[in-house]
PDB file of N, CA and C in Angstrom:
ATOM      1  N   MET A   1      -3.665  27.844  21.554  1.00  0.00           N
ATOM      2  CA  MET A   1      -3.020  26.574  21.298  1.00  0.00           C
ATOM      3  C   MET A   1      -3.365  26.139  19.872  1.00  0.00           C
ATOM      4  N   ALA A   2      -2.385  25.673  19.139  1.00  0.00           N
ATOM      5  CA  ALA A   2      -2.571  25.269  17.750  1.00  0.00           C
ATOM      6  C   ALA A   2      -2.565  23.743  17.631  1.00  0.00           C
ATOM      7  N   GLU A   3      -3.186  23.254  16.563  1.00  0.00           N
ATOM      8  CA  GLU A   3      -3.216  21.825  16.283  1.00  0.00           C
ATOM      9  C   GLU A   3      -2.368  21.564  15.048  1.00  0.00           C
ATOM     10  N   TYR A   4      -1.482  20.559  15.124  1.00  0.00           N
ATOM     11  CA  TYR A   4      -0.611  20.207  14.016  1.00  0.00           C
ATOM     12  C   TYR A   4      -0.949  18.797  13.562  1.00  0.00           C
ATOM     13  N   VAL A   5      -0.938  18.561  12.267  1.00  0.00           N
ATOM     14  CA  VAL A   5      -1.255  17.253  11.697  1.00  0.00           C
ATOM     15  C   VAL A   5       0.016  16.667  11.101  1.00  0.00           C
ATOM     16  N   ILE A   6       0.312  15.429  11.493  1.00  0.00           N
ATOM     17  CA  ILE A   6       1.474  14.722  10.969  1.00  0.00           C
ATOM     18  C   ILE A   6       0.960  13.499  10.232  1.00  0.00           C
ATOM     19  N   THR A   7       1.399  13.311   8.990  1.00  0.00           N
ATOM     20  CA  THR A   7       1.001  12.148   8.211  1.00  0.00           C
ATOM     21  C   THR A   7       2.120  11.127   8.270  1.00  0.00           C
ATOM     22  N   LEU A   8       1.767   9.894   8.619  1.00  0.00           N
ATOM     23  CA  LEU A   8       2.739   8.825   8.744  1.00  0.00           C
ATOM     24  C   LEU A   8       2.247   7.629   7.958  1.00  0.00           C
ATOM     25  N   GLU A   9       3.064   7.146   7.029  1.00  0.00           N
ATOM     26  CA  GLU A   9       2.721   5.949   6.261  1.00  0.00           C
ATOM     27  C   GLU A   9       3.639   4.832   6.712  1.00  0.00           C
ATOM     28  N   ALA A  10       3.042   3.690   7.103  1.00  0.00           N
ATOM     29  CA  ALA A  10       3.825   2.555   7.586  1.00  0.00           C
ATOM     30  C   ALA A  10       3.079   1.264   7.304  1.00  0.00           C
ATOM     31  N   ASP A  11       3.817   0.151   7.330  1.00  0.00           N
ATOM     32  CA  ASP A  11       3.209  -1.153   7.107  1.00  0.00           C
ATOM     33  C   ASP A  11       2.409  -1.624   8.321  1.00  0.00           C
ATOM     34  N   ARG A  12       2.762  -1.132   9.489  1.00  0.00           N
ATOM     35  CA  ARG A  12       2.020  -1.496  10.699  1.00  0.00           C
ATOM     36  C   ARG A  12       1.761  -0.226  11.510  1.00  0.00           C
ATOM     37  N   PRO A  13       0.777  -0.265  12.403  1.00  0.00           N
ATOM     38  CA  PRO A  13       0.440   0.937  13.164  1.00  0.00           C
ATOM     39  C   PRO A  13       1.600   1.400  14.050  1.00  0.00           C
ATOM     40  N   PRO A  14       1.785   2.694  14.181  1.00  0.00           N
ATOM     41  CA  PRO A  14       2.855   3.210  15.044  1.00  0.00           C
ATOM     42  C   PRO A  14       2.487   3.019  16.518  1.00  0.00           C
ATOM     43  N   GLU A  15       3.486   2.990  17.358  1.00  0.00           N
ATOM     44  CA  GLU A  15       3.265   2.819  18.791  1.00  0.00           C
ATOM     45  C   GLU A  15       3.163   4.189  19.448  1.00  0.00           C
ATOM     46  N   ILE A  16       2.016   4.823  19.251  1.00  0.00           N
ATOM     47  CA  ILE A  16       1.737   6.140  19.816  1.00  0.00           C
ATOM     48  C   ILE A  16       0.477   6.013  20.651  1.00  0.00           C
ATOM     49  N   LEU A  17       0.495   6.561  21.859  1.00  0.00           N
ATOM     50  CA  LEU A  17      -0.640   6.464  22.760  1.00  0.00           C
ATOM     51  C   LEU A  17      -1.253   7.845  22.998  1.00  0.00           C
ATOM     52  N   LEU A  18      -2.563   7.856  23.245  1.00  0.00           N
ATOM     53  CA  LEU A  18      -3.221   9.113  23.601  1.00  0.00           C
ATOM     54  C   LEU A  18      -2.632   9.620  24.908  1.00  0.00           C
ATOM     55  N   GLY A  19      -2.399  10.896  24.991  1.00  0.00           N
ATOM     56  CA  GLY A  19      -1.831  11.493  26.186  1.00  0.00           C
ATOM     57  C   GLY A  19      -0.314  11.480  26.213  1.00  0.00           C
ATOM     58  N   GLN A  20       0.297  10.796  25.294  1.00  0.00           N
ATOM     59  CA  GLN A  20       1.754  10.708  25.226  1.00  0.00           C
ATOM     60  C   GLN A  20       2.327  12.049  24.771  1.00  0.00           C
ATOM     61  N   THR A  21       3.444  12.447  25.358  1.00  0.00           N
ATOM     62  CA  THR A  21       4.128  13.651  24.920  1.00  0.00           C
ATOM     63  C   THR A  21       5.073  13.267  23.798  1.00  0.00           C
ATOM     64  N   LEU A  22       4.890  13.944  22.665  1.00  0.00           N
ATOM     65  CA  LEU A  22       5.643  13.590  21.465  1.00  0.00           C
ATOM     66  C   LEU A  22       6.090  14.870  20.778  1.00  0.00           C
ATOM     67  N   PHE A  23       7.360  15.022  20.546  1.00  0.00           N
ATOM     68  CA  PHE A  23       7.921  16.198  19.867  1.00  0.00           C
ATOM     69  C   PHE A  23       7.470  17.508  20.511  1.00  0.00           C
ATOM     70  N   GLY A  24       7.393  17.532  21.820  1.00  0.00           N
ATOM     71  CA  GLY A  24       7.047  18.752  22.534  1.00  0.00           C
ATOM     72  C   GLY A  24       5.557  19.038  22.607  1.00  0.00           C
ATOM     73  N   GLY A  25       4.709  18.108  22.205  1.00  0.00           N
ATOM     74  CA  GLY A  25       3.262  18.300  22.268  1.00  0.00           C
ATOM     75  C   GLY A  25       2.583  17.049  22.783  1.00  0.00           C
ATOM     76  N   LYS A  26       1.330  17.191  23.199  1.00  0.00           N
ATOM     77  CA  LYS A  26       0.571  16.079  23.759  1.00  0.00           C
ATOM     78  C   LYS A  26      -0.353  15.495  22.690  1.00  0.00           C
ATOM     79  N   VAL A  27      -0.370  14.165  22.532  1.00  0.00           N
ATOM     80  CA  VAL A  27      -1.224  13.489  21.563  1.00  0.00           C
ATOM     81  C   VAL A  27      -2.649  13.485  22.104  1.00  0.00           C
ATOM     82  N   THR A  28      -3.572  14.099  21.354  1.00  0.00           N
ATOM     83  CA  THR A  28      -4.963  14.187  21.799  1.00  0.00           C
ATOM     84  C   THR A  28      -5.915  13.363  20.945  1.00  0.00           C
ATOM     85  N   ALA A  29      -5.494  12.949  19.744  1.00  0.00           N
ATOM     86  CA  ALA A  29      -6.364  12.156  18.877  1.00  0.00           C
ATOM     87  C   ALA A  29      -5.512  11.345  17.911  1.00  0.00           C
ATOM     88  N   LEU A  30      -5.990  10.153  17.566  1.00  0.00           N
ATOM     89  CA  LEU A  30      -5.346   9.300  16.568  1.00  0.00           C
ATOM     90  C   LEU A  30      -6.401   8.915  15.547  1.00  0.00           C
ATOM     91  N   ASN A  31      -6.104   9.090  14.269  1.00  0.00           N
ATOM     92  CA  ASN A  31      -7.033   8.754  13.197  1.00  0.00           C
ATOM     93  C   ASN A  31      -6.323   7.900  12.163  1.00  0.00           C
ATOM     94  N   LEU A  32      -7.023   6.887  11.669  1.00  0.00           N
ATOM     95  CA  LEU A  32      -6.507   6.057  10.594  1.00  0.00           C
ATOM     96  C   LEU A  32      -7.311   6.362   9.351  1.00  0.00           C
ATOM     97  N   ARG A  33      -6.623   6.802   8.323  1.00  0.00           N
ATOM     98  CA  ARG A  33      -7.294   7.108   7.065  1.00  0.00           C
ATOM     99  C   ARG A  33      -6.814   6.118   6.023  1.00  0.00           C
ATOM    100  N   LYS A  34      -7.711   5.340   5.499  1.00  0.00           N
ATOM    101  CA  LYS A  34      -7.375   4.332   4.492  1.00  0.00           C
ATOM    102  C   LYS A  34      -7.117   5.041   3.160  1.00  0.00           C
ATOM    103  N   LYS A  35      -6.075   4.604   2.475  1.00  0.00           N
ATOM    104  CA  LYS A  35      -5.752   5.193   1.191  1.00  0.00           C
ATOM    105  C   LYS A  35      -6.820   4.804   0.174  1.00  0.00           C
ATOM    106  N   LYS A  36      -7.105   5.698  -0.712  1.00  0.00           N
ATOM    107  CA  LYS A  36      -8.089   5.437  -1.756  1.00  0.00           C
ATOM    108  C   LYS A  36      -7.555   4.397  -2.728  1.00  0.00           C
ATOM    109  N   LEU A  37      -8.388   3.984  -3.631  1.00  0.00           N
ATOM    110  CA  LEU A  37      -7.990   2.992  -4.625  1.00  0.00           C
ATOM    111  C   LEU A  37      -6.881   3.539  -5.518  1.00  0.00           C
ATOM    112  N   VAL A  38      -5.987   2.657  -5.950  1.00  0.00           N
ATOM    113  CA  VAL A  38      -4.872   3.064  -6.807  1.00  0.00           C
ATOM    114  C   VAL A  38      -5.068   2.509  -8.209  1.00  0.00           C
ATOM    115  N   SER A  39      -4.499   3.180  -9.181  1.00  0.00           N
ATOM    116  CA  SER A  39      -4.654   2.775 -10.579  1.00  0.00           C
ATOM    117  C   SER A  39      -3.569   1.777 -10.973  1.00  0.00           C
ATOM    118  N   ALA A  40      -3.791   1.127 -12.097  1.00  0.00           N
ATOM    119  CA  ALA A  40      -2.825   0.160 -12.618  1.00  0.00           C
ATOM    120  C   ALA A  40      -1.504   0.843 -12.952  1.00  0.00           C
ATOM    121  N   SER A  41      -1.553   2.068 -13.436  1.00  0.00           N
ATOM    122  CA  SER A  41      -0.311   2.763 -13.796  1.00  0.00           C
ATOM    123  C   SER A  41       0.519   3.102 -12.555  1.00  0.00           C
ATOM    124  N   GLU A  42      -0.146   3.451 -11.429  1.00  0.00           N
ATOM    125  CA  GLU A  42       0.588   3.721 -10.193  1.00  0.00           C
ATOM    126  C   GLU A  42       1.295   2.461  -9.699  1.00  0.00           C
ATOM    127  N   LEU A  43       0.587   1.333  -9.742  1.00  0.00           N
ATOM    128  CA  LEU A  43       1.178   0.071  -9.310  1.00  0.00           C
ATOM    129  C   LEU A  43       2.289  -0.364 -10.256  1.00  0.00           C
ATOM    130  N   ALA A  44       2.107  -0.123 -11.539  1.00  0.00           N
ATOM    131  CA  ALA A  44       3.132  -0.478 -12.522  1.00  0.00           C
ATOM    132  C   ALA A  44       4.414   0.294 -12.254  1.00  0.00           C
ATOM    133  N   GLN A  45       4.286   1.550 -11.931  1.00  0.00           N
ATOM    134  CA  GLN A  45       5.454   2.379 -11.642  1.00  0.00           C
ATOM    135  C   GLN A  45       6.128   1.922 -10.343  1.00  0.00           C
ATOM    136  N   LYS A  46       5.335   1.556  -9.349  1.00  0.00           N
ATOM    137  CA  LYS A  46       5.872   1.144  -8.053  1.00  0.00           C
ATOM    138  C   LYS A  46       6.650  -0.164  -8.143  1.00  0.00           C
ATOM    139  N   TYR A  47       6.141  -1.129  -8.921  1.00  0.00           N
ATOM    140  CA  TYR A  47       6.752  -2.454  -8.988  1.00  0.00           C
ATOM    141  C   TYR A  47       7.605  -2.682 -10.234  1.00  0.00           C
ATOM    142  N   GLY A  48       7.696  -1.715 -11.110  1.00  0.00           N
ATOM    143  CA  GLY A  48       8.517  -1.855 -12.298  1.00  0.00           C
ATOM    144  C   GLY A  48       7.941  -2.830 -13.307  1.00  0.00           C
ATOM    145  N   LEU A  49       6.628  -2.907 -13.374  1.00  0.00           N
ATOM    146  CA  LEU A  49       5.938  -3.780 -14.316  1.00  0.00           C
ATOM    147  C   LEU A  49       5.201  -2.919 -15.327  1.00  0.00           C
ATOM    148  N   SER A  50       4.706  -3.543 -16.371  1.00  0.00           N
ATOM    149  CA  SER A  50       3.878  -2.790 -17.314  1.00  0.00           C
ATOM    150  C   SER A  50       2.449  -2.740 -16.768  1.00  0.00           C
ATOM    151  N   ALA A  51       1.689  -1.747 -17.182  1.00  0.00           N
ATOM    152  CA  ALA A  51       0.311  -1.608 -16.727  1.00  0.00           C
ATOM    153  C   ALA A  51      -0.534  -2.799 -17.170  1.00  0.00           C
ATOM    154  N   THR A  52      -0.237  -3.335 -18.336  1.00  0.00           N
ATOM    155  CA  THR A  52      -0.953  -4.509 -18.832  1.00  0.00           C
ATOM    156  C   THR A  52      -0.720  -5.718 -17.927  1.00  0.00           C
ATOM    157  N   THR A  53       0.514  -5.924 -17.498  1.00  0.00           N
ATOM    158  CA  THR A  53       0.838  -7.027 -16.595  1.00  0.00           C
ATOM    159  C   THR A  53       0.115  -6.878 -15.274  1.00  0.00           C
ATOM    160  N   VAL A  54       0.080  -5.649 -14.750  1.00  0.00           N
ATOM    161  CA  VAL A  54      -0.624  -5.392 -13.490  1.00  0.00           C
ATOM    162  C   VAL A  54      -2.106  -5.709 -13.646  1.00  0.00           C
ATOM    163  N   ARG A  55      -2.701  -5.272 -14.747  1.00  0.00           N
ATOM    164  CA  ARG A  55      -4.125  -5.552 -14.984  1.00  0.00           C
ATOM    165  C   ARG A  55      -4.403  -7.041 -15.053  1.00  0.00           C
ATOM    166  N   GLU A  56      -3.520  -7.787 -15.701  1.00  0.00           N
ATOM    167  CA  GLU A  56      -3.710  -9.234 -15.821  1.00  0.00           C
ATOM    168  C   GLU A  56      -3.588  -9.926 -14.472  1.00  0.00           C
ATOM    169  N   LYS A  57      -2.581  -9.543 -13.680  1.00  0.00           N
ATOM    170  CA  LYS A  57      -2.367 -10.180 -12.385  1.00  0.00           C
ATOM    171  C   LYS A  57      -3.453  -9.831 -11.377  1.00  0.00           C
ATOM    172  N   LEU A  58      -4.011  -8.626 -11.476  1.00  0.00           N
ATOM    173  CA  LEU A  58      -4.976  -8.164 -10.479  1.00  0.00           C
ATOM    174  C   LEU A  58      -6.407  -8.119 -11.003  1.00  0.00           C
ATOM    175  N   ASN A  59      -6.678  -8.833 -12.059  1.00  0.00           N
ATOM    176  CA  ASN A  59      -8.008  -8.833 -12.658  1.00  0.00           C
ATOM    177  C   ASN A  59      -9.085  -9.247 -11.656  1.00  0.00           C
ATOM    178  N   ALA A  60      -8.774 -10.152 -10.754  1.00  0.00           N
ATOM    179  CA  ALA A  60      -9.755 -10.661  -9.791  1.00  0.00           C
ATOM    180  C   ALA A  60     -10.178  -9.614  -8.756  1.00  0.00           C
ATOM    181  N   ILE A  61      -9.338  -8.629  -8.489  1.00  0.00           N
ATOM    182  CA  ILE A  61      -9.680  -7.641  -7.459  1.00  0.00           C
ATOM    183  C   ILE A  61      -9.950  -6.252  -8.043  1.00  0.00           C
ATOM    184  N   ASN A  62     -10.204  -6.169  -9.331  1.00  0.00           N
ATOM    185  CA  ASN A  62     -10.495  -4.890  -9.980  1.00  0.00           C
ATOM    186  C   ASN A  62     -11.796  -4.311  -9.421  1.00  0.00           C
ATOM    187  N   GLN A  63     -11.749  -3.085  -8.923  1.00  0.00           N
ATOM    188  CA  GLN A  63     -12.934  -2.443  -8.360  1.00  0.00           C
ATOM    189  C   GLN A  63     -13.406  -1.286  -9.221  1.00  0.00           C
ATOM    190  N   GLY A  64     -12.751  -1.067 -10.332  1.00  0.00           N
ATOM    191  CA  GLY A  64     -13.145  -0.017 -11.260  1.00  0.00           C
ATOM    192  C   GLY A  64     -13.890  -0.625 -12.438  1.00  0.00           C
ATOM    193  N   THR A  65     -14.102   0.161 -13.448  1.00  0.00           N
ATOM    194  CA  THR A  65     -14.743  -0.345 -14.664  1.00  0.00           C
ATOM    195  C   THR A  65     -13.695  -1.015 -15.538  1.00  0.00           C
ATOM    196  N   SER A  66     -14.116  -1.569 -16.666  1.00  0.00           N
ATOM    197  CA  SER A  66     -13.152  -2.223 -17.547  1.00  0.00           C
ATOM    198  C   SER A  66     -12.183  -1.223 -18.172  1.00  0.00           C
ATOM    199  N   GLY A  67     -12.579   0.031 -18.275  1.00  0.00           N
ATOM    200  CA  GLY A  67     -11.694   1.054 -18.821  1.00  0.00           C
ATOM    201  C   GLY A  67     -10.862   1.749 -17.769  1.00  0.00           C
ATOM    202  N   LYS A  68     -11.341   1.725 -16.536  1.00  0.00           N
ATOM    203  CA  LYS A  68     -10.639   2.404 -15.449  1.00  0.00           C
ATOM    204  C   LYS A  68     -10.339   1.368 -14.370  1.00  0.00           C
ATOM    205  N   HIS A  69      -9.161   0.817 -14.395  1.00  0.00           N
ATOM    206  CA  HIS A  69      -8.782  -0.258 -13.483  1.00  0.00           C
ATOM    207  C   HIS A  69      -8.296   0.337 -12.166  1.00  0.00           C
ATOM    208  N   LEU A  70      -9.033   0.066 -11.074  1.00  0.00           N
ATOM    209  CA  LEU A  70      -8.687   0.574  -9.756  1.00  0.00           C
ATOM    210  C   LEU A  70      -8.607  -0.583  -8.771  1.00  0.00           C
ATOM    211  N   TYR A  71      -7.636  -0.518  -7.866  1.00  0.00           N
ATOM    212  CA  TYR A  71      -7.382  -1.624  -6.956  1.00  0.00           C
ATOM    213  C   TYR A  71      -7.177  -1.132  -5.536  1.00  0.00           C
ATOM    214  N   ASP A  72      -7.553  -1.984  -4.564  1.00  0.00           N
ATOM    215  CA  ASP A  72      -7.269  -1.715  -3.159  1.00  0.00           C
ATOM    216  C   ASP A  72      -5.752  -1.829  -2.987  1.00  0.00           C
ATOM    217  N   PRO A  73      -5.093  -0.816  -2.429  1.00  0.00           N
ATOM    218  CA  PRO A  73      -3.627  -0.840  -2.366  1.00  0.00           C
ATOM    219  C   PRO A  73      -3.067  -1.983  -1.518  1.00  0.00           C
ATOM    220  N   ASP A  74      -3.757  -2.364  -0.437  1.00  0.00           N
ATOM    221  CA  ASP A  74      -3.251  -3.430   0.421  1.00  0.00           C
ATOM    222  C   ASP A  74      -3.319  -4.787  -0.279  1.00  0.00           C
ATOM    223  N   LEU A  75      -4.450  -5.090  -0.912  1.00  0.00           N
ATOM    224  CA  LEU A  75      -4.589  -6.360  -1.628  1.00  0.00           C
ATOM    225  C   LEU A  75      -3.643  -6.429  -2.813  1.00  0.00           C
ATOM    226  N   ALA A  76      -3.512  -5.319  -3.522  1.00  0.00           N
ATOM    227  CA  ALA A  76      -2.625  -5.283  -4.683  1.00  0.00           C
ATOM    228  C   ALA A  76      -1.175  -5.524  -4.268  1.00  0.00           C
ATOM    229  N   ASP A  77      -0.744  -4.895  -3.178  1.00  0.00           N
ATOM    230  CA  ASP A  77       0.625  -5.103  -2.700  1.00  0.00           C
ATOM    231  C   ASP A  77       0.853  -6.566  -2.344  1.00  0.00           C
ATOM    232  N   GLU A  78      -0.130  -7.165  -1.696  1.00  0.00           N
ATOM    233  CA  GLU A  78      -0.003  -8.561  -1.289  1.00  0.00           C
ATOM    234  C   GLU A  78       0.144  -9.492  -2.502  1.00  0.00           C
ATOM    235  N   LEU A  79      -0.648  -9.240  -3.536  1.00  0.00           N
ATOM    236  CA  LEU A  79      -0.591 -10.097  -4.724  1.00  0.00           C
ATOM    237  C   LEU A  79       0.648  -9.842  -5.575  1.00  0.00           C
ATOM    238  N   LEU A  80       1.091  -8.609  -5.655  1.00  0.00           N
ATOM    239  CA  LEU A  80       2.243  -8.297  -6.502  1.00  0.00           C
ATOM    240  C   LEU A  80       3.582  -8.581  -5.827  1.00  0.00           C
ATOM    241  N   LYS A  81       3.611  -8.638  -4.504  1.00  0.00           N
ATOM    242  CA  LYS A  81       4.854  -8.914  -3.801  1.00  0.00           C
ATOM    243  C   LYS A  81       5.233 -10.380  -3.855  1.00  0.00           C
ATOM    244  N   THR A  82       4.250 -11.267  -3.971  1.00  0.00           N
ATOM    245  CA  THR A  82       4.557 -12.696  -3.979  1.00  0.00           C
ATOM    246  C   THR A  82       5.310 -13.042  -5.257  1.00  0.00           C
ATOM    247  N   LYS A  83       6.439 -13.637  -5.072  1.00  0.00           N
ATOM    248  CA  LYS A  83       7.279 -14.036  -6.205  1.00  0.00           C
ATOM    249  C   LYS A  83       6.846 -15.417  -6.666  1.00  0.00           C
ATOM    250  N   LYS A  84       6.779 -15.579  -7.955  1.00  0.00           N
ATOM    251  CA  LYS A  84       6.446 -16.871  -8.512  1.00  0.00           C
ATOM    252  C   LYS A  84       7.685 -17.754  -8.433  1.00  0.00           C
ATOM    253  N   ARG A  85       7.521 -18.958  -7.892  1.00  0.00           N
ATOM    254  CA  ARG A  85       8.659 -19.873  -7.779  1.00  0.00           C
ATOM    255  C   ARG A  85       9.086 -20.375  -9.136  1.00  0.00           C
ATOM    256  N   THR A  86      10.353 -20.384  -9.333  1.00  0.00           N
ATOM    257  CA  THR A  86      10.863 -20.898 -10.598  1.00  0.00           C
ATOM    258  C   THR A  86      10.972 -22.412 -10.512  1.00  0.00           C
ATOM    259  N   ARG A  87      10.936 -23.038 -11.635  1.00  0.00           N
ATOM    260  CA  ARG A  87      11.043 -24.493 -11.669  1.00  0.00           C
ATOM    261  C   ARG A  87      12.500 -24.902 -11.570  1.00  0.00           C
ATOM    262  N   GLY A  88      12.670 -26.095 -11.102  1.00  0.00           N
ATOM    263  CA  GLY A  88      14.032 -26.618 -11.047  1.00  0.00           C
ATOM    264  C   GLY A  88      14.675 -26.405  -9.707  1.00  0.00           C
ATOM    265  N   ARG A  89      15.875 -26.846  -9.618  1.00  0.00           N
ATOM    266  CA  ARG A  89      16.628 -26.829  -8.377  1.00  0.00           C
ATOM    267  C   ARG A  89      17.233 -25.449  -8.135  1.00  0.00           C
ATOM    268  N   TYR A  90      17.295 -25.047  -6.883  1.00  0.00           N
ATOM    269  CA  TYR A  90      17.944 -23.792  -6.512  1.00  0.00           C
ATOM    270  C   TYR A  90      19.452 -23.941  -6.671  1.00  0.00           C
ATOM    271  N   ARG A  91      20.068 -23.001  -7.322  1.00  0.00           N
ATOM    272  CA  ARG A  91      21.510 -23.059  -7.525  1.00  0.00           C
ATOM    273  C   ARG A  91      22.175 -21.860  -6.849  1.00  0.00           C
ATOM    274  N   GLU A  92      23.182 -22.130  -6.066  1.00  0.00           N
ATOM    275  CA  GLU A  92      23.904 -21.059  -5.403  1.00  0.00           C
ATOM    276  C   GLU A  92      24.906 -20.432  -6.358  1.00  0.00           C
ATOM    277  N   LEU A  93      25.143 -19.162  -6.157  1.00  0.00           N
ATOM    278  CA  LEU A  93      26.111 -18.466  -7.022  1.00  0.00           C
ATOM    279  C   LEU A  93      27.480 -18.469  -6.423  1.00  0.00           C
TER     280      LEU A  93
END
């Protein structure tokens, strides 16, 4: 009997149970592996921002050195996803 590893990336945990038959096989173990820290350039590419802007916005959660800016991917996503409200009245198009 062989063991196969499937990697799944999602915003929330998948609904898979131990003992469940899935794709012709039985689920025997579930493991959660946290992603390692991500760099400012990776986040800049993901959100379409400059690396300098990412460093400025995420300065409070920097876990690397001053030359090597590294961030927790979950916290960084949370801070970069929030849109800054514009001033003035909302206008419909």
